C-alpha atoms as a PDB file:
ATOM      1  CA  MET A   1     -54.449 -29.758  16.775  1.00  0.00           C
ATOM      2  CA  LYS A   2     -57.903 -29.995  15.114  1.00  0.00           C
ATOM      3  CA  THR A   3     -57.520 -30.380  10.912  1.00  0.00           C
ATOM      4  CA  LEU A   4     -60.498 -30.825   8.055  1.00  0.00           C
ATOM      5  CA  VAL A   5     -59.756 -32.152   5.196  1.00  0.00           C
ATOM      6  CA  THR A   6     -62.452 -31.115   2.614  1.00  0.00           C
ATOM      7  CA  TYR A   7     -63.098 -31.416  -0.859  1.00  0.00           C
ATOM      8  CA  MET A   8     -64.975 -31.674  -4.304  1.00  0.00           C
ATOM      9  CA  THR A   9     -64.706 -34.388  -6.223  1.00  0.00           C
ATOM     10  CA  GLN A  10     -66.670 -35.165  -9.410  1.00  0.00           C
ATOM     11  CA  THR A  11     -64.541 -38.169 -10.479  1.00  0.00           C
ATOM     12  CA  GLY A  12     -63.108 -39.235  -7.517  1.00  0.00           C
ATOM     13  CA  ASN A  13     -59.336 -38.099  -8.430  1.00  0.00           C
ATOM     14  CA  THR A  14     -59.630 -35.503  -5.774  1.00  0.00           C
ATOM     15  CA  LYS A  15     -61.456 -37.558  -3.132  1.00  0.00           C
ATOM     16  CA  LYS A  16     -58.426 -40.207  -3.775  1.00  0.00           C
ATOM     17  CA  VAL A  17     -56.298 -37.625  -2.909  1.00  0.00           C
ATOM     18  CA  ALA A  18     -57.738 -36.012  -0.436  1.00  0.00           C
ATOM     19  CA  GLU A  19     -58.146 -39.938   1.857  1.00  0.00           C
ATOM     20  CA  ALA A  20     -54.281 -39.802   0.885  1.00  0.00           C
ATOM     21  CA  ILE A  21     -53.803 -36.025   3.007  1.00  0.00           C
ATOM     22  CA  TYR A  22     -56.096 -37.525   5.771  1.00  0.00           C
ATOM     23  CA  GLY A  23     -54.809 -40.641   6.207  1.00  0.00           C
ATOM     24  CA  GLU A  24     -51.065 -39.012   7.503  1.00  0.00           C
ATOM     25  CA  ILE A  25     -52.808 -36.034   9.679  1.00  0.00           C
ATOM     26  CA  ALA A  26     -51.765 -36.804  13.263  1.00  0.00           C
ATOM     27  CA  GLY A  27     -54.330 -35.361  15.866  1.00  0.00           C
ATOM     28  CA  GLU A  28     -57.912 -35.008  15.768  1.00  0.00           C
ATOM     29  CA  LYS A  29     -59.038 -34.657  12.344  1.00  0.00           C
ATOM     30  CA  ASP A  30     -62.078 -35.079   9.840  1.00  0.00           C
ATOM     31  CA  ILE A  31     -62.355 -35.372   6.242  1.00  0.00           C
ATOM     32  CA  LYS A  32     -65.668 -34.236   4.570  1.00  0.00           C
ATOM     33  CA  ASP A  33     -67.284 -33.015   1.329  1.00  0.00           C
ATOM     34  CA  ILE A  34     -67.044 -29.547   0.993  1.00  0.00           C
ATOM     35  CA  LYS A  35     -71.060 -29.462   0.226  1.00  0.00           C
ATOM     36  CA  ASP A  36     -71.085 -30.743   3.914  1.00  0.00           C
ATOM     37  CA  VAL A  37     -69.161 -28.028   5.186  1.00  0.00           C
ATOM     38  CA  SER A  38     -70.808 -24.612   6.415  1.00  0.00           C
ATOM     39  CA  ASN A  39     -67.453 -23.113   7.598  1.00  0.00           C
ATOM     40  CA  PHE A  40     -63.684 -23.282   9.220  1.00  0.00           C
ATOM     41  CA  GLU A  41     -64.987 -23.067  12.532  1.00  0.00           C
ATOM     42  CA  GLY A  42     -63.181 -24.853  15.361  1.00  0.00           C
ATOM     43  CA  TYR A  43     -60.287 -26.040  13.147  1.00  0.00           C
ATOM     44  CA  ASP A  44     -56.634 -24.903  13.085  1.00  0.00           C
ATOM     45  CA  LEU A  45     -55.397 -26.272  10.104  1.00  0.00           C
ATOM     46  CA  VAL A  46     -57.664 -26.724   6.976  1.00  0.00           C
ATOM     47  CA  PHE A  47     -56.858 -28.554   3.782  1.00  0.00           C
ATOM     48  CA  VAL A  48     -59.121 -27.753   0.719  1.00  0.00           C
ATOM     49  CA  GLY A  49     -58.894 -29.400  -2.125  1.00  0.00           C
ATOM     50  CA  PHE A  50     -60.806 -29.484  -5.865  1.00  0.00           C
ATOM     51  CA  PRO A  51     -60.648 -30.408  -9.323  1.00  0.00           C
ATOM     52  CA  VAL A  52     -59.219 -27.748 -12.004  1.00  0.00           C
ATOM     53  CA  MET A  53     -62.300 -26.811 -13.631  1.00  0.00           C
ATOM     54  CA  GLN A  54     -62.405 -24.783 -17.048  1.00  0.00           C
ATOM     55  CA  PHE A  55     -58.773 -23.496 -16.406  1.00  0.00           C
ATOM     56  CA  ASN A  56     -59.302 -22.704 -12.699  1.00  0.00           C
ATOM     57  CA  ILE A  57     -60.687 -23.106  -9.065  1.00  0.00           C
ATOM     58  CA  PRO A  58     -64.184 -24.054  -9.364  1.00  0.00           C
ATOM     59  CA  ALA A  59     -66.246 -20.682  -8.663  1.00  0.00           C
ATOM     60  CA  ASN A  60     -67.984 -22.367  -5.354  1.00  0.00           C
ATOM     61  CA  VAL A  61     -64.863 -23.565  -3.786  1.00  0.00           C
ATOM     62  CA  SER A  62     -63.609 -19.824  -4.421  1.00  0.00           C
ATOM     63  CA  LYS A  63     -66.254 -18.302  -3.190  1.00  0.00           C
ATOM     64  CA  PHE A  64     -66.492 -20.844   0.196  1.00  0.00           C
ATOM     65  CA  VAL A  65     -63.191 -20.179   1.014  1.00  0.00           C
ATOM     66  CA  LEU A  66     -63.204 -16.543   0.589  1.00  0.00           C
ATOM     67  CA  GLU A  67     -66.069 -16.488   2.893  1.00  0.00           C
ATOM     68  CA  ASN A  68     -64.315 -18.390   5.499  1.00  0.00           C
ATOM     69  CA  VAL A  69     -60.809 -18.489   5.488  1.00  0.00           C
ATOM     70  CA  ALA A  70     -60.368 -15.482   7.407  1.00  0.00           C
ATOM     71  CA  GLY A  71     -57.409 -16.002   9.874  1.00  0.00           C
ATOM     72  CA  LYS A  72     -57.559 -19.799   9.344  1.00  0.00           C
ATOM     73  CA  ASN A  73     -54.044 -21.859   8.285  1.00  0.00           C
ATOM     74  CA  ILE A  74     -55.215 -23.144   5.108  1.00  0.00           C
ATOM     75  CA  ALA A  75     -53.607 -25.305   2.191  1.00  0.00           C
ATOM     76  CA  PHE A  76     -54.722 -26.550  -1.245  1.00  0.00           C
ATOM     77  CA  PHE A  77     -54.752 -29.757  -3.090  1.00  0.00           C
ATOM     78  CA  MET A  78     -56.270 -29.698  -6.932  1.00  0.00           C
ATOM     79  CA  THR A  79     -56.077 -32.535  -9.328  1.00  0.00           C
ATOM     80  CA  HIS A  80     -56.119 -31.724 -13.143  1.00  0.00           C
ATOM     81  CA  ALA A  81     -55.541 -33.664 -16.569  1.00  0.00           C
ATOM     82  CA  VAL A  82     -52.516 -31.818 -17.098  1.00  0.00           C
ATOM     83  CA  PRO A  83     -48.800 -33.449 -16.713  1.00  0.00           C
ATOM     84  CA  GLU A  84     -47.309 -31.811 -13.964  1.00  0.00           C
ATOM     85  CA  GLY A  85     -44.885 -28.421 -15.031  1.00  0.00           C
ATOM     86  CA  PHE A  86     -47.750 -27.402 -17.593  1.00  0.00           C
ATOM     87  CA  GLU A  87     -47.415 -23.773 -17.629  1.00  0.00           C
ATOM     88  CA  ALA A  88     -50.824 -22.719 -16.655  1.00  0.00           C
ATOM     89  CA  ILE A  89     -50.688 -24.400 -13.461  1.00  0.00           C
ATOM     90  CA  HIS A  90     -48.899 -21.271 -12.012  1.00  0.00           C
ATOM     91  CA  SER A  91     -51.734 -19.752 -12.723  1.00  0.00           C
ATOM     92  CA  TRP A  92     -54.029 -21.995 -10.602  1.00  0.00           C
ATOM     93  CA  THR A  93     -51.778 -21.926  -8.182  1.00  0.00           C
ATOM     94  CA  GLY A  94     -51.662 -18.440  -7.740  1.00  0.00           C
ATOM     95  CA  SER A  95     -55.062 -18.084  -7.440  1.00  0.00           C
ATOM     96  CA  CYS A  96     -55.032 -19.915  -4.617  1.00  0.00           C
ATOM     97  CA  LYS A  97     -53.247 -17.292  -2.990  1.00  0.00           C
ATOM     98  CA  ASP A  98     -55.857 -15.063  -3.924  1.00  0.00           C
ATOM     99  CA  ILE A  99     -58.652 -16.576  -2.062  1.00  0.00           C
ATOM    100  CA  ALA A 100     -56.379 -17.152   1.186  1.00  0.00           C
ATOM    101  CA  ALA A 101     -55.267 -13.428   1.514  1.00  0.00           C
ATOM    102  CA  SER A 102     -57.150 -12.642   4.577  1.00  0.00           C
ATOM    103  CA  GLY A 103     -55.593 -16.574   6.028  1.00  0.00           C
ATOM    104  CA  ASN A 104     -52.577 -17.762   6.315  1.00  0.00           C
ATOM    105  CA  TYR A 105     -51.587 -19.484   3.111  1.00  0.00           C
ATOM    106  CA  LEU A 106     -49.345 -22.562   3.773  1.00  0.00           C
ATOM    107  CA  GLY A 107     -49.094 -24.343   0.220  1.00  0.00           C
ATOM    108  CA  THR A 108     -50.724 -25.727  -2.555  1.00  0.00           C
ATOM    109  CA  PHE A 109     -50.107 -29.050  -3.914  1.00  0.00           C
ATOM    110  CA  GLU A 110     -51.203 -30.418  -7.500  1.00  0.00           C
ATOM    111  CA  CYS A 111     -51.151 -33.474  -9.071  1.00  0.00           C
ATOM    112  CA  GLN A 112     -52.475 -35.203 -12.806  1.00  0.00           C
ATOM    113  CA  GLY A 113     -55.685 -36.832 -12.305  1.00  0.00           C
ATOM    114  CA  GLU A 114     -57.230 -38.876 -14.741  1.00  0.00           C
ATOM    115  CA  LEU A 115     -59.814 -37.440 -17.547  1.00  0.00           C
ATOM    116  CA  ALA A 116     -63.101 -38.679 -17.649  1.00  0.00           C
ATOM    117  CA  GLN A 117     -64.471 -40.310 -20.652  1.00  0.00           C
ATOM    118  CA  PRO A 118     -66.939 -37.486 -20.631  1.00  0.00           C
ATOM    119  CA  ILE A 119     -65.117 -34.356 -20.954  1.00  0.00           C
ATOM    120  CA  ILE A 120     -62.731 -36.204 -23.187  1.00  0.00           C
ATOM    121  CA  ASP A 121     -66.352 -36.087 -25.558  1.00  0.00           C
ATOM    122  CA  MET A 122     -67.238 -32.659 -25.080  1.00  0.00           C
ATOM    123  CA  LEU A 123     -63.402 -31.521 -25.723  1.00  0.00           C
ATOM    124  CA  GLU A 124     -63.551 -33.770 -28.926  1.00  0.00           C
ATOM    125  CA  LYS A 125     -66.896 -32.199 -30.075  1.00  0.00           C
ATOM    126  CA  SER A 126     -65.633 -28.161 -29.518  1.00  0.00           C
ATOM    127  CA  ASP A 127     -65.334 -25.738 -32.081  1.00  0.00           C
ATOM    128  CA  ASP A 128     -62.500 -24.602 -30.311  1.00  0.00           C
ATOM    129  CA  PRO A 129     -59.159 -26.166 -31.461  1.00  0.00           C
ATOM    130  CA  GLN A 130     -57.044 -25.547 -28.363  1.00  0.00           C
ATOM    131  CA  MET A 131     -60.043 -27.879 -26.684  1.00  0.00           C
ATOM    132  CA  LYS A 132     -59.762 -30.432 -29.327  1.00  0.00           C
ATOM    133  CA  GLU A 133     -56.386 -30.649 -28.757  1.00  0.00           C
ATOM    134  CA  PHE A 134     -56.357 -30.765 -25.261  1.00  0.00           C
ATOM    135  CA  ALA A 135     -58.626 -34.015 -25.417  1.00  0.00           C
ATOM    136  CA  LYS A 136     -55.811 -35.904 -27.098  1.00  0.00           C
ATOM    137  CA  ILE A 137     -54.189 -35.818 -24.217  1.00  0.00           C
ATOM    138  CA  GLY A 138     -57.133 -37.924 -22.130  1.00  0.00           C
ATOM    139  CA  PRO A 139     -55.489 -41.827 -22.457  1.00  0.00           C
ATOM    140  CA  SER A 140     -52.494 -40.626 -21.159  1.00  0.00           C
ATOM    141  CA  THR A 141     -54.029 -39.975 -17.910  1.00  0.00           C
ATOM    142  CA  LYS A 142     -55.381 -43.176 -17.663  1.00  0.00           C
ATOM    143  CA  GLY A 143     -55.074 -44.587 -13.921  1.00  0.00           C
ATOM    144  CA  GLN A 144     -53.874 -41.103 -12.483  1.00  0.00           C
ATOM    145  CA  PRO A 145     -53.259 -40.012  -9.247  1.00  0.00           C
ATOM    146  CA  ASP A 146     -51.509 -43.028  -9.731  1.00  0.00           C
ATOM    147  CA  ALA A 147     -49.156 -44.218  -6.155  1.00  0.00           C
ATOM    148  CA  SER A 148     -46.522 -42.119  -6.809  1.00  0.00           C
ATOM    149  CA  ARG A 149     -48.636 -39.072  -6.763  1.00  0.00           C
ATOM    150  CA  VAL A 150     -50.597 -40.279  -3.759  1.00  0.00           C
ATOM    151  CA  GLN A 151     -47.344 -40.566  -2.374  1.00  0.00           C
ATOM    152  CA  LYS A 152     -46.465 -36.594  -2.892  1.00  0.00           C
ATOM    153  CA  ALA A 153     -49.783 -35.973  -1.477  1.00  0.00           C
ATOM    154  CA  LYS A 154     -49.126 -37.753   1.463  1.00  0.00           C
ATOM    155  CA  GLU A 155     -45.710 -36.014   2.034  1.00  0.00           C
ATOM    156  CA  PHE A 156     -47.363 -32.798   1.386  1.00  0.00           C
ATOM    157  CA  ALA A 157     -49.625 -33.435   4.681  1.00  0.00           C
ATOM    158  CA  LYS A 158     -46.444 -33.930   6.484  1.00  0.00           C
ATOM    159  CA  GLU A 159     -44.891 -30.372   4.655  1.00  0.00           C
ATOM    160  CA  ILE A 160     -47.853 -29.062   6.007  1.00  0.00           C
ATOM    161  CA  GLN A 161     -48.491 -29.792   9.379  1.00  0.00           C
ATOM    162  CA  ALA A 162     -45.063 -29.202  10.236  1.00  0.00           C
ATOM    163  CA  LYS A 163     -45.832 -25.351   9.598  1.00  0.00           C
ATOM    164  CA  VAL A 164     -48.368 -25.351  12.078  1.00  0.00           C
ATOM    165  CA  LYS A 165     -47.099 -27.327  15.067  1.00  0.00           C
END
């Protein structure tokens, strides 16, 4: 079995999770930034990772998956600034199922990542009171994803592989 771990990262959070997943993959495997991947051909299993941006999957990731997922075993991993269990996460993970509809959707891993200071600054300057409020969680995200979240990512990788064998 050949596996691809591909990801988009802005601040390194998603790359950290990608590397944890990659480290647990048995057999032939590749890890690549999504901008360096032209399609999923030749892979039996694909993990796609991204940071949640504007409360959703980044448009370029969504488009790429939609164009390449047909008939493929696929799992997703995402990083975001909100604590796990935050209600909106369900719509984000639901979006993964939607873009994977023509493939074999195996699951989604999500975890908190550190909210970058430039984003905190932007949110604080927003005219939207909800965005200003969101900026306040920034300091609580420092150091995420932490060791416990990285360990959960590793466990997720093993669970997904077990579904394909």
